[in-house]
Amino acid sequence: MNEPVSRGNCLGQYKWGNDCYGWNFVNSDSISIKQELMPPDTAEQLHYHQKATQFFFILKGTAIMTIDGEETLLKPLQGIAIKPLQKHCISNKGGADLEFILYSHPSTNGDRINCEG
């Protein structure tokens, strides 16, 4: 029987960056679906993926998504796709927590290249 997933019923929880958190809902070689939370004034490191296409969908807060040097403001219930090889990062410059769903196809396991800087 298929069971609903949630933060309390997920494949695993993890911490990353500066007090950012994530929850794995689906994790296979072909697909990854996560929910992540970023407190105010946090950002991930600029990076890219050789194979994975990603889609970020904002649930709460506002995000600044930098893709190949161009910044895009994302509000709740907006999303944006990232193609393979596009250098990107997400940041929370707002005063409230940022929460979003992150879909990756295929999974980004072993497919993340951090950019220097």
PDB file of N, CA and C in Angstrom:
ATOM      1  N   MET A   1       0.848  -1.184   0.000  1.00  0.00           N
ATOM      2  CA  MET A   1       0.000   0.000   0.000  1.00  0.00           C
ATOM      3  C   MET A   1       0.891   1.246   0.000  1.00  0.00           C
ATOM      4  N   ASN A   2       0.519   2.216  -0.776  1.00  0.00           N
ATOM      5  CA  ASN A   2       1.247   3.485  -0.810  1.00  0.00           C
ATOM      6  C   ASN A   2       0.882   4.309   0.405  1.00  0.00           C
ATOM      7  N   GLU A   3       1.897   4.884   1.046  1.00  0.00           N
ATOM      8  CA  GLU A   3       1.679   5.693   2.237  1.00  0.00           C
ATOM      9  C   GLU A   3       2.008   7.145   1.944  1.00  0.00           C
ATOM     10  N   PRO A   4       1.252   8.074   2.506  1.00  0.00           N
ATOM     11  CA  PRO A   4       1.575   9.495   2.340  1.00  0.00           C
ATOM     12  C   PRO A   4       2.950   9.800   2.961  1.00  0.00           C
ATOM     13  N   VAL A   5       3.636  10.781   2.383  1.00  0.00           N
ATOM     14  CA  VAL A   5       4.909  11.227   2.930  1.00  0.00           C
ATOM     15  C   VAL A   5       4.738  12.617   3.523  1.00  0.00           C
ATOM     16  N   SER A   6       5.583  12.930   4.487  1.00  0.00           N
ATOM     17  CA  SER A   6       5.564  14.235   5.151  1.00  0.00           C
ATOM     18  C   SER A   6       6.927  14.415   5.811  1.00  0.00           C
ATOM     19  N   ARG A   7       7.130  15.533   6.441  1.00  0.00           N
ATOM     20  CA  ARG A   7       8.388  15.726   7.174  1.00  0.00           C
ATOM     21  C   ARG A   7       8.566  14.656   8.240  1.00  0.00           C
ATOM     22  N   GLY A   8       7.477  14.280   8.894  1.00  0.00           N
ATOM     23  CA  GLY A   8       7.545  13.278   9.953  1.00  0.00           C
ATOM     24  C   GLY A   8       7.578  11.851   9.439  1.00  0.00           C
ATOM     25  N   ASN A   9       7.222  11.646   8.175  1.00  0.00           N
ATOM     26  CA  ASN A   9       7.204  10.315   7.570  1.00  0.00           C
ATOM     27  C   ASN A   9       7.919  10.402   6.221  1.00  0.00           C
ATOM     28  N   CYS A  10       9.255  10.503   6.280  1.00  0.00           N
ATOM     29  CA  CYS A  10      10.051  10.658   5.065  1.00  0.00           C
ATOM     30  C   CYS A  10      11.175   9.632   5.055  1.00  0.00           C
ATOM     31  N   LEU A  11      11.909   9.584   3.951  1.00  0.00           N
ATOM     32  CA  LEU A  11      13.031   8.650   3.839  1.00  0.00           C
ATOM     33  C   LEU A  11      14.205   9.060   4.709  1.00  0.00           C
ATOM     34  N   GLY A  12      14.304  10.353   4.999  1.00  0.00           N
ATOM     35  CA  GLY A  12      15.388  10.834   5.837  1.00  0.00           C
ATOM     36  C   GLY A  12      15.434  12.348   5.870  1.00  0.00           C
ATOM     37  N   GLN A  13      15.937  12.879   6.960  1.00  0.00           N
ATOM     38  CA  GLN A  13      16.108  14.319   7.148  1.00  0.00           C
ATOM     39  C   GLN A  13      17.601  14.614   7.147  1.00  0.00           C
ATOM     40  N   TYR A  14      17.979  15.787   6.661  1.00  0.00           N
ATOM     41  CA  TYR A  14      19.379  16.170   6.636  1.00  0.00           C
ATOM     42  C   TYR A  14      19.517  17.663   6.901  1.00  0.00           C
ATOM     43  N   LYS A  15      20.707  18.051   7.324  1.00  0.00           N
ATOM     44  CA  LYS A  15      21.044  19.456   7.560  1.00  0.00           C
ATOM     45  C   LYS A  15      22.129  19.842   6.576  1.00  0.00           C
ATOM     46  N   TRP A  16      22.054  21.045   6.034  1.00  0.00           N
ATOM     47  CA  TRP A  16      23.064  21.500   5.089  1.00  0.00           C
ATOM     48  C   TRP A  16      23.282  22.998   5.275  1.00  0.00           C
ATOM     49  N   GLY A  17      24.401  23.481   4.746  1.00  0.00           N
ATOM     50  CA  GLY A  17      24.690  24.914   4.808  1.00  0.00           C
ATOM     51  C   GLY A  17      24.655  25.445   6.223  1.00  0.00           C
ATOM     52  N   ASN A  18      24.104  26.654   6.370  1.00  0.00           N
ATOM     53  CA  ASN A  18      24.041  27.361   7.641  1.00  0.00           C
ATOM     54  C   ASN A  18      22.637  27.214   8.228  1.00  0.00           C
ATOM     55  N   ASP A  19      22.400  26.107   8.940  1.00  0.00           N
ATOM     56  CA  ASP A  19      21.112  25.810   9.584  1.00  0.00           C
ATOM     57  C   ASP A  19      19.964  25.635   8.601  1.00  0.00           C
ATOM     58  N   CYS A  20      20.242  25.097   7.405  1.00  0.00           N
ATOM     59  CA  CYS A  20      19.211  24.741   6.439  1.00  0.00           C
ATOM     60  C   CYS A  20      18.894  23.253   6.614  1.00  0.00           C
ATOM     61  N   TYR A  21      17.653  22.876   6.319  1.00  0.00           N
ATOM     62  CA  TYR A  21      17.209  21.504   6.520  1.00  0.00           C
ATOM     63  C   TYR A  21      16.507  20.985   5.276  1.00  0.00           C
ATOM     64  N   GLY A  22      16.533  19.655   5.133  1.00  0.00           N
ATOM     65  CA  GLY A  22      15.843  19.016   4.023  1.00  0.00           C
ATOM     66  C   GLY A  22      15.239  17.696   4.448  1.00  0.00           C
ATOM     67  N   TRP A  23      14.216  17.282   3.692  1.00  0.00           N
ATOM     68  CA  TRP A  23      13.516  16.030   3.913  1.00  0.00           C
ATOM     69  C   TRP A  23      13.396  15.308   2.582  1.00  0.00           C
ATOM     70  N   ASN A  24      13.879  14.060   2.511  1.00  0.00           N
ATOM     71  CA  ASN A  24      13.778  13.250   1.301  1.00  0.00           C
ATOM     72  C   ASN A  24      12.425  12.552   1.264  1.00  0.00           C
ATOM     73  N   PHE A  25      11.681  12.772   0.192  1.00  0.00           N
ATOM     74  CA  PHE A  25      10.388  12.096   0.015  1.00  0.00           C
ATOM     75  C   PHE A  25      10.487  10.955  -0.995  1.00  0.00           C
ATOM     76  N   VAL A  26      11.243  11.167  -2.075  1.00  0.00           N
ATOM     77  CA  VAL A  26      11.490  10.151  -3.102  1.00  0.00           C
ATOM     78  C   VAL A  26      12.969  10.227  -3.424  1.00  0.00           C
ATOM     79  N   ASN A  27      13.648   9.076  -3.464  1.00  0.00           N
ATOM     80  CA  ASN A  27      15.084   9.085  -3.739  1.00  0.00           C
ATOM     81  C   ASN A  27      15.474   7.798  -4.448  1.00  0.00           C
ATOM     82  N   SER A  28      15.607   7.882  -5.762  1.00  0.00           N
ATOM     83  CA  SER A  28      16.084   6.757  -6.564  1.00  0.00           C
ATOM     84  C   SER A  28      17.083   7.308  -7.573  1.00  0.00           C
ATOM     85  N   ASP A  29      17.693   6.445  -8.349  1.00  0.00           N
ATOM     86  CA  ASP A  29      18.638   6.917  -9.360  1.00  0.00           C
ATOM     87  C   ASP A  29      17.964   7.809 -10.396  1.00  0.00           C
ATOM     88  N   SER A  30      16.688   7.570 -10.657  1.00  0.00           N
ATOM     89  CA  SER A  30      16.010   8.299 -11.735  1.00  0.00           C
ATOM     90  C   SER A  30      15.297   9.569 -11.283  1.00  0.00           C
ATOM     91  N   ILE A  31      15.008   9.695  -9.991  1.00  0.00           N
ATOM     92  CA  ILE A  31      14.238  10.859  -9.528  1.00  0.00           C
ATOM     93  C   ILE A  31      14.505  11.122  -8.047  1.00  0.00           C
ATOM     94  N   SER A  32      14.478  12.399  -7.699  1.00  0.00           N
ATOM     95  CA  SER A  32      14.600  12.816  -6.305  1.00  0.00           C
ATOM     96  C   SER A  32      13.584  13.928  -6.057  1.00  0.00           C
ATOM     97  N   ILE A  33      12.841  13.808  -4.964  1.00  0.00           N
ATOM     98  CA  ILE A  33      11.901  14.861  -4.554  1.00  0.00           C
ATOM     99  C   ILE A  33      12.151  15.152  -3.085  1.00  0.00           C
ATOM    100  N   LYS A  34      12.424  16.426  -2.796  1.00  0.00           N
ATOM    101  CA  LYS A  34      12.761  16.852  -1.443  1.00  0.00           C
ATOM    102  C   LYS A  34      11.978  18.113  -1.087  1.00  0.00           C
ATOM    103  N   GLN A  35      11.837  18.356   0.199  1.00  0.00           N
ATOM    104  CA  GLN A  35      11.401  19.655   0.702  1.00  0.00           C
ATOM    105  C   GLN A  35      12.575  20.216   1.482  1.00  0.00           C
ATOM    106  N   GLU A  36      12.860  21.500   1.270  1.00  0.00           N
ATOM    107  CA  GLU A  36      13.959  22.126   1.994  1.00  0.00           C
ATOM    108  C   GLU A  36      13.496  23.416   2.654  1.00  0.00           C
ATOM    109  N   LEU A  37      14.183  23.771   3.738  1.00  0.00           N
ATOM    110  CA  LEU A  37      13.892  24.982   4.503  1.00  0.00           C
ATOM    111  C   LEU A  37      15.192  25.757   4.676  1.00  0.00           C
ATOM    112  N   MET A  38      15.137  27.048   4.331  1.00  0.00           N
ATOM    113  CA  MET A  38      16.285  27.936   4.503  1.00  0.00           C
ATOM    114  C   MET A  38      15.870  29.106   5.391  1.00  0.00           C
ATOM    115  N   PRO A  39      16.541  29.321   6.530  1.00  0.00           N
ATOM    116  CA  PRO A  39      16.231  30.487   7.357  1.00  0.00           C
ATOM    117  C   PRO A  39      16.655  31.776   6.640  1.00  0.00           C
ATOM    118  N   PRO A  40      16.234  32.929   7.160  1.00  0.00           N
ATOM    119  CA  PRO A  40      16.653  34.207   6.565  1.00  0.00           C
ATOM    120  C   PRO A  40      18.173  34.326   6.479  1.00  0.00           C
ATOM    121  N   ASP A  41      18.631  35.047   5.475  1.00  0.00           N
ATOM    122  CA  ASP A  41      20.054  35.350   5.274  1.00  0.00           C
ATOM    123  C   ASP A  41      20.911  34.106   5.073  1.00  0.00           C
ATOM    124  N   THR A  42      20.381  33.132   4.319  1.00  0.00           N
ATOM    125  CA  THR A  42      21.154  31.946   3.979  1.00  0.00           C
ATOM    126  C   THR A  42      21.185  31.778   2.459  1.00  0.00           C
ATOM    127  N   ALA A  43      22.202  31.075   1.985  1.00  0.00           N
ATOM    128  CA  ALA A  43      22.344  30.812   0.553  1.00  0.00           C
ATOM    129  C   ALA A  43      23.142  29.534   0.359  1.00  0.00           C
ATOM    130  N   GLU A  44      22.887  28.853  -0.733  1.00  0.00           N
ATOM    131  CA  GLU A  44      23.710  27.703  -1.061  1.00  0.00           C
ATOM    132  C   GLU A  44      24.852  28.146  -1.969  1.00  0.00           C
ATOM    133  N   GLN A  45      25.833  27.298  -2.105  1.00  0.00           N
ATOM    134  CA  GLN A  45      26.994  27.597  -2.945  1.00  0.00           C
ATOM    135  C   GLN A  45      26.609  27.449  -4.418  1.00  0.00           C
ATOM    136  N   LEU A  46      27.141  28.330  -5.250  1.00  0.00           N
ATOM    137  CA  LEU A  46      26.948  28.240  -6.691  1.00  0.00           C
ATOM    138  C   LEU A  46      27.488  26.902  -7.176  1.00  0.00           C
ATOM    139  N   HIS A  47      26.692  26.210  -8.018  1.00  0.00           N
ATOM    140  CA  HIS A  47      27.077  24.882  -8.483  1.00  0.00           C
ATOM    141  C   HIS A  47      26.328  24.552  -9.773  1.00  0.00           C
ATOM    142  N   TYR A  48      26.612  23.381 -10.328  1.00  0.00           N
ATOM    143  CA  TYR A  48      25.853  22.895 -11.476  1.00  0.00           C
ATOM    144  C   TYR A  48      25.815  21.376 -11.450  1.00  0.00           C
ATOM    145  N   HIS A  49      24.974  20.818 -12.305  1.00  0.00           N
ATOM    146  CA  HIS A  49      24.833  19.370 -12.441  1.00  0.00           C
ATOM    147  C   HIS A  49      25.078  19.006 -13.895  1.00  0.00           C
ATOM    148  N   GLN A  50      25.800  17.923 -14.125  1.00  0.00           N
ATOM    149  CA  GLN A  50      26.088  17.521 -15.495  1.00  0.00           C
ATOM    150  C   GLN A  50      24.899  16.849 -16.158  1.00  0.00           C
ATOM    151  N   LYS A  51      24.094  16.106 -15.387  1.00  0.00           N
ATOM    152  CA  LYS A  51      22.998  15.330 -15.975  1.00  0.00           C
ATOM    153  C   LYS A  51      21.616  15.773 -15.521  1.00  0.00           C
ATOM    154  N   ALA A  52      21.491  16.214 -14.293  1.00  0.00           N
ATOM    155  CA  ALA A  52      20.169  16.437 -13.700  1.00  0.00           C
ATOM    156  C   ALA A  52      19.516  17.740 -14.159  1.00  0.00           C
ATOM    157  N   THR A  53      18.240  17.640 -14.431  1.00  0.00           N
ATOM    158  CA  THR A  53      17.355  18.789 -14.571  1.00  0.00           C
ATOM    159  C   THR A  53      16.663  18.941 -13.224  1.00  0.00           C
ATOM    160  N   GLN A  54      16.539  20.188 -12.748  1.00  0.00           N
ATOM    161  CA  GLN A  54      15.884  20.418 -11.462  1.00  0.00           C
ATOM    162  C   GLN A  54      14.724  21.387 -11.627  1.00  0.00           C
ATOM    163  N   PHE A  55      13.768  21.267 -10.698  1.00  0.00           N
ATOM    164  CA  PHE A  55      12.653  22.201 -10.633  1.00  0.00           C
ATOM    165  C   PHE A  55      12.459  22.590  -9.182  1.00  0.00           C
ATOM    166  N   PHE A  56      12.543  23.891  -8.901  1.00  0.00           N
ATOM    167  CA  PHE A  56      12.330  24.453  -7.561  1.00  0.00           C
ATOM    168  C   PHE A  56      10.934  25.056  -7.527  1.00  0.00           C
ATOM    169  N   PHE A  57      10.126  24.681  -6.532  1.00  0.00           N
ATOM    170  CA  PHE A  57       8.768  25.215  -6.378  1.00  0.00           C
ATOM    171  C   PHE A  57       8.632  25.794  -4.977  1.00  0.00           C
ATOM    172  N   ILE A  58       8.377  27.086  -4.888  1.00  0.00           N
ATOM    173  CA  ILE A  58       8.354  27.805  -3.609  1.00  0.00           C
ATOM    174  C   ILE A  58       7.016  27.583  -2.893  1.00  0.00           C
ATOM    175  N   LEU A  59       7.090  27.180  -1.635  1.00  0.00           N
ATOM    176  CA  LEU A  59       5.909  27.001  -0.795  1.00  0.00           C
ATOM    177  C   LEU A  59       5.657  28.214   0.096  1.00  0.00           C
ATOM    178  N   LYS A  60       6.721  28.688   0.762  1.00  0.00           N
ATOM    179  CA  LYS A  60       6.631  29.827   1.692  1.00  0.00           C
ATOM    180  C   LYS A  60       7.860  30.699   1.526  1.00  0.00           C
ATOM    181  N   GLY A  61       7.700  31.994   1.759  1.00  0.00           N
ATOM    182  CA  GLY A  61       8.824  32.916   1.677  1.00  0.00           C
ATOM    183  C   GLY A  61       9.108  33.314   0.238  1.00  0.00           C
ATOM    184  N   THR A  62      10.214  34.017   0.061  1.00  0.00           N
ATOM    185  CA  THR A  62      10.650  34.406  -1.277  1.00  0.00           C
ATOM    186  C   THR A  62      12.094  33.969  -1.471  1.00  0.00           C
ATOM    187  N   ALA A  63      12.406  33.591  -2.696  1.00  0.00           N
ATOM    188  CA  ALA A  63      13.742  33.098  -3.028  1.00  0.00           C
ATOM    189  C   ALA A  63      14.351  33.971  -4.109  1.00  0.00           C
ATOM    190  N   ILE A  64      15.646  34.081  -4.051  1.00  0.00           N
ATOM    191  CA  ILE A  64      16.403  34.634  -5.172  1.00  0.00           C
ATOM    192  C   ILE A  64      17.114  33.444  -5.806  1.00  0.00           C
ATOM    193  N   MET A  65      16.762  33.131  -7.045  1.00  0.00           N
ATOM    194  CA  MET A  65      17.404  32.050  -7.773  1.00  0.00           C
ATOM    195  C   MET A  65      18.358  32.680  -8.779  1.00  0.00           C
ATOM    196  N   THR A  66      19.623  32.360  -8.647  1.00  0.00           N
ATOM    197  CA  THR A  66      20.633  32.835  -9.586  1.00  0.00           C
ATOM    198  C   THR A  66      20.935  31.701 -10.557  1.00  0.00           C
ATOM    199  N   ILE A  67      20.741  31.983 -11.855  1.00  0.00           N
ATOM    200  CA  ILE A  67      20.987  30.993 -12.903  1.00  0.00           C
ATOM    201  C   ILE A  67      21.877  31.640 -13.948  1.00  0.00           C
ATOM    202  N   ASP A  68      23.065  31.090 -14.109  1.00  0.00           N
ATOM    203  CA  ASP A  68      24.031  31.628 -15.071  1.00  0.00           C
ATOM    204  C   ASP A  68      24.192  33.142 -14.937  1.00  0.00           C
ATOM    205  N   GLY A  69      24.266  33.606 -13.683  1.00  0.00           N
ATOM    206  CA  GLY A  69      24.529  35.010 -13.395  1.00  0.00           C
ATOM    207  C   GLY A  69      23.309  35.912 -13.380  1.00  0.00           C
ATOM    208  N   GLU A  70      22.133  35.399 -13.728  1.00  0.00           N
ATOM    209  CA  GLU A  70      20.909  36.196 -13.749  1.00  0.00           C
ATOM    210  C   GLU A  70      20.039  35.858 -12.547  1.00  0.00           C
ATOM    211  N   GLU A  71      19.613  36.877 -11.797  1.00  0.00           N
ATOM    212  CA  GLU A  71      18.782  36.666 -10.607  1.00  0.00           C
ATOM    213  C   GLU A  71      17.301  36.748 -10.961  1.00  0.00           C
ATOM    214  N   THR A  72      16.532  35.815 -10.382  1.00  0.00           N
ATOM    215  CA  THR A  72      15.083  35.793 -10.541  1.00  0.00           C
ATOM    216  C   THR A  72      14.456  35.698  -9.164  1.00  0.00           C
ATOM    217  N   LEU A  73      13.476  36.561  -8.882  1.00  0.00           N
ATOM    218  CA  LEU A  73      12.736  36.521  -7.621  1.00  0.00           C
ATOM    219  C   LEU A  73      11.587  35.533  -7.765  1.00  0.00           C
ATOM    220  N   LEU A  74      11.512  34.591  -6.841  1.00  0.00           N
ATOM    221  CA  LEU A  74      10.428  33.615  -6.825  1.00  0.00           C
ATOM    222  C   LEU A  74       9.590  33.801  -5.573  1.00  0.00           C
ATOM    223  N   LYS A  75       8.287  33.914  -5.768  1.00  0.00           N
ATOM    224  CA  LYS A  75       7.324  34.072  -4.672  1.00  0.00           C
ATOM    225  C   LYS A  75       6.599  32.753  -4.440  1.00  0.00           C
ATOM    226  N   PRO A  76       5.829  32.656  -3.342  1.00  0.00           N
ATOM    227  CA  PRO A  76       5.085  31.421  -3.093  1.00  0.00           C
ATOM    228  C   PRO A  76       4.216  31.021  -4.290  1.00  0.00           C
ATOM    229  N   LEU A  77       4.198  29.728  -4.541  1.00  0.00           N
ATOM    230  CA  LEU A  77       3.452  29.087  -5.623  1.00  0.00           C
ATOM    231  C   LEU A  77       4.009  29.415  -7.002  1.00  0.00           C
ATOM    232  N   GLN A  78       5.300  29.808  -7.050  1.00  0.00           N
ATOM    233  CA  GLN A  78       6.016  29.955  -8.312  1.00  0.00           C
ATOM    234  C   GLN A  78       7.169  28.953  -8.325  1.00  0.00           C
ATOM    235  N   GLY A  79       7.560  28.560  -9.532  1.00  0.00           N
ATOM    236  CA  GLY A  79       8.661  27.627  -9.672  1.00  0.00           C
ATOM    237  C   GLY A  79       9.530  27.976 -10.857  1.00  0.00           C
ATOM    238  N   ILE A  80      10.689  27.320 -10.931  1.00  0.00           N
ATOM    239  CA  ILE A  80      11.621  27.567 -12.030  1.00  0.00           C
ATOM    240  C   ILE A  80      12.423  26.298 -12.290  1.00  0.00           C
ATOM    241  N   ALA A  81      12.677  26.033 -13.586  1.00  0.00           N
ATOM    242  CA  ALA A  81      13.450  24.861 -14.000  1.00  0.00           C
ATOM    243  C   ALA A  81      14.909  25.240 -14.225  1.00  0.00           C
ATOM    244  N   ILE A  82      15.788  24.323 -13.885  1.00  0.00           N
ATOM    245  CA  ILE A  82      17.224  24.472 -14.085  1.00  0.00           C
ATOM    246  C   ILE A  82      17.672  23.333 -14.992  1.00  0.00           C
ATOM    247  N   LYS A  83      18.313  23.669 -16.100  1.00  0.00           N
ATOM    248  CA  LYS A  83      18.790  22.649 -17.039  1.00  0.00           C
ATOM    249  C   LYS A  83      20.181  22.174 -16.635  1.00  0.00           C
ATOM    250  N   PRO A  84      20.572  20.987 -17.097  1.00  0.00           N
ATOM    251  CA  PRO A  84      21.936  20.526 -16.832  1.00  0.00           C
ATOM    252  C   PRO A  84      22.958  21.558 -17.314  1.00  0.00           C
ATOM    253  N   LEU A  85      24.047  21.666 -16.573  1.00  0.00           N
ATOM    254  CA  LEU A  85      25.187  22.550 -16.840  1.00  0.00           C
ATOM    255  C   LEU A  85      24.926  24.021 -16.525  1.00  0.00           C
ATOM    256  N   GLN A  86      23.708  24.404 -16.138  1.00  0.00           N
ATOM    257  CA  GLN A  86      23.455  25.789 -15.744  1.00  0.00           C
ATOM    258  C   GLN A  86      23.970  25.997 -14.321  1.00  0.00           C
ATOM    259  N   LYS A  87      24.835  26.976 -14.144  1.00  0.00           N
ATOM    260  CA  LYS A  87      25.336  27.315 -12.808  1.00  0.00           C
ATOM    261  C   LYS A  87      24.226  28.023 -12.056  1.00  0.00           C
ATOM    262  N   HIS A  88      23.945  27.551 -10.846  1.00  0.00           N
ATOM    263  CA  HIS A  88      22.801  28.095 -10.111  1.00  0.00           C
ATOM    264  C   HIS A  88      23.000  28.005  -8.604  1.00  0.00           C
ATOM    265  N   CYS A  89      22.216  28.817  -7.900  1.00  0.00           N
ATOM    266  CA  CYS A  89      22.120  28.740  -6.441  1.00  0.00           C
ATOM    267  C   CYS A  89      20.829  29.432  -6.025  1.00  0.00           C
ATOM    268  N   ILE A  90      20.345  29.047  -4.865  1.00  0.00           N
ATOM    269  CA  ILE A  90      19.147  29.653  -4.290  1.00  0.00           C
ATOM    270  C   ILE A  90      19.555  30.361  -3.002  1.00  0.00           C
ATOM    271  N   SER A  91      18.934  31.513  -2.741  1.00  0.00           N
ATOM    272  CA  SER A  91      19.240  32.245  -1.512  1.00  0.00           C
ATOM    273  C   SER A  91      17.953  32.818  -0.918  1.00  0.00           C
ATOM    274  N   ASN A  92      17.995  33.015   0.383  1.00  0.00           N
ATOM    275  CA  ASN A  92      16.888  33.613   1.119  1.00  0.00           C
ATOM    276  C   ASN A  92      17.384  34.916   1.724  1.00  0.00           C
ATOM    277  N   LYS A  93      17.069  36.014   1.070  1.00  0.00           N
ATOM    278  CA  LYS A  93      17.465  37.333   1.564  1.00  0.00           C
ATOM    279  C   LYS A  93      16.324  38.008   2.314  1.00  0.00           C
ATOM    280  N   GLY A  94      15.220  37.305   2.493  1.00  0.00           N
ATOM    281  CA  GLY A  94      14.050  37.852   3.174  1.00  0.00           C
ATOM    282  C   GLY A  94      14.139  37.698   4.682  1.00  0.00           C
ATOM    283  N   GLY A  95      13.108  38.152   5.371  1.00  0.00           N
ATOM    284  CA  GLY A  95      13.075  38.120   6.824  1.00  0.00           C
ATOM    285  C   GLY A  95      12.349  36.926   7.408  1.00  0.00           C
ATOM    286  N   ALA A  96      11.883  36.001   6.555  1.00  0.00           N
ATOM    287  CA  ALA A  96      11.148  34.827   7.016  1.00  0.00           C
ATOM    288  C   ALA A  96      11.769  33.574   6.403  1.00  0.00           C
ATOM    289  N   ASP A  97      11.432  32.430   6.970  1.00  0.00           N
ATOM    290  CA  ASP A  97      11.919  31.167   6.422  1.00  0.00           C
ATOM    291  C   ASP A  97      11.455  30.992   4.976  1.00  0.00           C
ATOM    292  N   LEU A  98      12.285  30.342   4.191  1.00  0.00           N
ATOM    293  CA  LEU A  98      11.979  29.965   2.818  1.00  0.00           C
ATOM    294  C   LEU A  98      11.807  28.452   2.793  1.00  0.00           C
ATOM    295  N   GLU A  99      10.680  27.990   2.245  1.00  0.00           N
ATOM    296  CA  GLU A  99      10.434  26.562   2.107  1.00  0.00           C
ATOM    297  C   GLU A  99      10.087  26.269   0.655  1.00  0.00           C
ATOM    298  N   PHE A 100      10.649  25.169   0.131  1.00  0.00           N
ATOM    299  CA  PHE A 100      10.409  24.840  -1.268  1.00  0.00           C
ATOM    300  C   PHE A 100      10.512  23.340  -1.495  1.00  0.00           C
ATOM    301  N   ILE A 101       9.917  22.904  -2.607  1.00  0.00           N
ATOM    302  CA  ILE A 101      10.041  21.536  -3.090  1.00  0.00           C
ATOM    303  C   ILE A 101      11.114  21.537  -4.166  1.00  0.00           C
ATOM    304  N   LEU A 102      11.977  20.542  -4.137  1.00  0.00           N
ATOM    305  CA  LEU A 102      13.054  20.407  -5.111  1.00  0.00           C
ATOM    306  C   LEU A 102      12.919  19.051  -5.792  1.00  0.00           C
ATOM    307  N   TYR A 103      12.657  19.086  -7.088  1.00  0.00           N
ATOM    308  CA  TYR A 103      12.511  17.894  -7.921  1.00  0.00           C
ATOM    309  C   TYR A 103      13.742  17.787  -8.809  1.00  0.00           C
ATOM    310  N   SER A 104      14.383  16.635  -8.859  1.00  0.00           N
ATOM    311  CA  SER A 104      15.560  16.418  -9.699  1.00  0.00           C
ATOM    312  C   SER A 104      15.371  15.146 -10.517  1.00  0.00           C
ATOM    313  N   HIS A 105      15.692  15.241 -11.824  1.00  0.00           N
ATOM    314  CA  HIS A 105      15.581  14.096 -12.727  1.00  0.00           C
ATOM    315  C   HIS A 105      16.756  14.080 -13.679  1.00  0.00           C
ATOM    316  N   PRO A 106      17.633  13.090 -13.671  1.00  0.00           N
ATOM    317  CA  PRO A 106      17.725  12.057 -12.641  1.00  0.00           C
ATOM    318  C   PRO A 106      18.197  12.649 -11.316  1.00  0.00           C
ATOM    319  N   SER A 107      18.365  11.813 -10.334  1.00  0.00           N
ATOM    320  CA  SER A 107      18.828  12.270  -9.022  1.00  0.00           C
ATOM    321  C   SER A 107      20.169  12.989  -9.152  1.00  0.00           C
ATOM    322  N   THR A 108      20.415  13.911  -8.244  1.00  0.00           N
ATOM    323  CA  THR A 108      21.695  14.636  -8.226  1.00  0.00           C
ATOM    324  C   THR A 108      22.765  13.911  -7.424  1.00  0.00           C
ATOM    325  N   ASN A 109      22.471  12.729  -6.905  1.00  0.00           N
ATOM    326  CA  ASN A 109      23.475  11.963  -6.148  1.00  0.00           C
ATOM    327  C   ASN A 109      24.714  11.759  -7.016  1.00  0.00           C
ATOM    328  N   GLY A 110      25.852  12.292  -6.583  1.00  0.00           N
ATOM    329  CA  GLY A 110      27.096  12.184  -7.329  1.00  0.00           C
ATOM    330  C   GLY A 110      27.170  13.085  -8.550  1.00  0.00           C
ATOM    331  N   ASP A 111      26.229  14.008  -8.685  1.00  0.00           N
ATOM    332  CA  ASP A 111      26.168  14.875  -9.872  1.00  0.00           C
ATOM    333  C   ASP A 111      26.092  16.344  -9.474  1.00  0.00           C
ATOM    334  N   ARG A 112      26.912  16.750  -8.542  1.00  0.00           N
ATOM    335  CA  ARG A 112      26.985  18.156  -8.127  1.00  0.00           C
ATOM    336  C   ARG A 112      28.421  18.625  -8.216  1.00  0.00           C
ATOM    337  N   ILE A 113      28.635  19.700  -8.964  1.00  0.00           N
ATOM    338  CA  ILE A 113      29.965  20.281  -9.098  1.00  0.00           C
ATOM    339  C   ILE A 113      29.903  21.699  -8.544  1.00  0.00           C
ATOM    340  N   ASN A 114      30.569  21.937  -7.406  1.00  0.00           N
ATOM    341  CA  ASN A 114      30.588  23.271  -6.807  1.00  0.00           C
ATOM    342  C   ASN A 114      31.515  24.183  -7.606  1.00  0.00           C
ATOM    343  N   CYS A 115      31.100  25.430  -7.762  1.00  0.00           N
ATOM    344  CA  CYS A 115      31.914  26.442  -8.427  1.00  0.00           C
ATOM    345  C   CYS A 115      32.742  27.167  -7.377  1.00  0.00           C
ATOM    346  N   GLU A 116      33.930  27.559  -7.725  1.00  0.00           N
ATOM    347  CA  GLU A 116      34.770  28.288  -6.793  1.00  0.00           C
ATOM    348  C   GLU A 116      34.250  29.714  -6.650  1.00  0.00           C
ATOM    349  N   GLY A 117      34.480  30.264  -5.503  1.00  0.00           N
ATOM    350  CA  GLY A 117      34.083  31.639  -5.341  1.00  0.00           C
ATOM    351  C   GLY A 117      33.595  31.900  -3.996  1.00  0.00           C
TER     352      GLY A 117
END
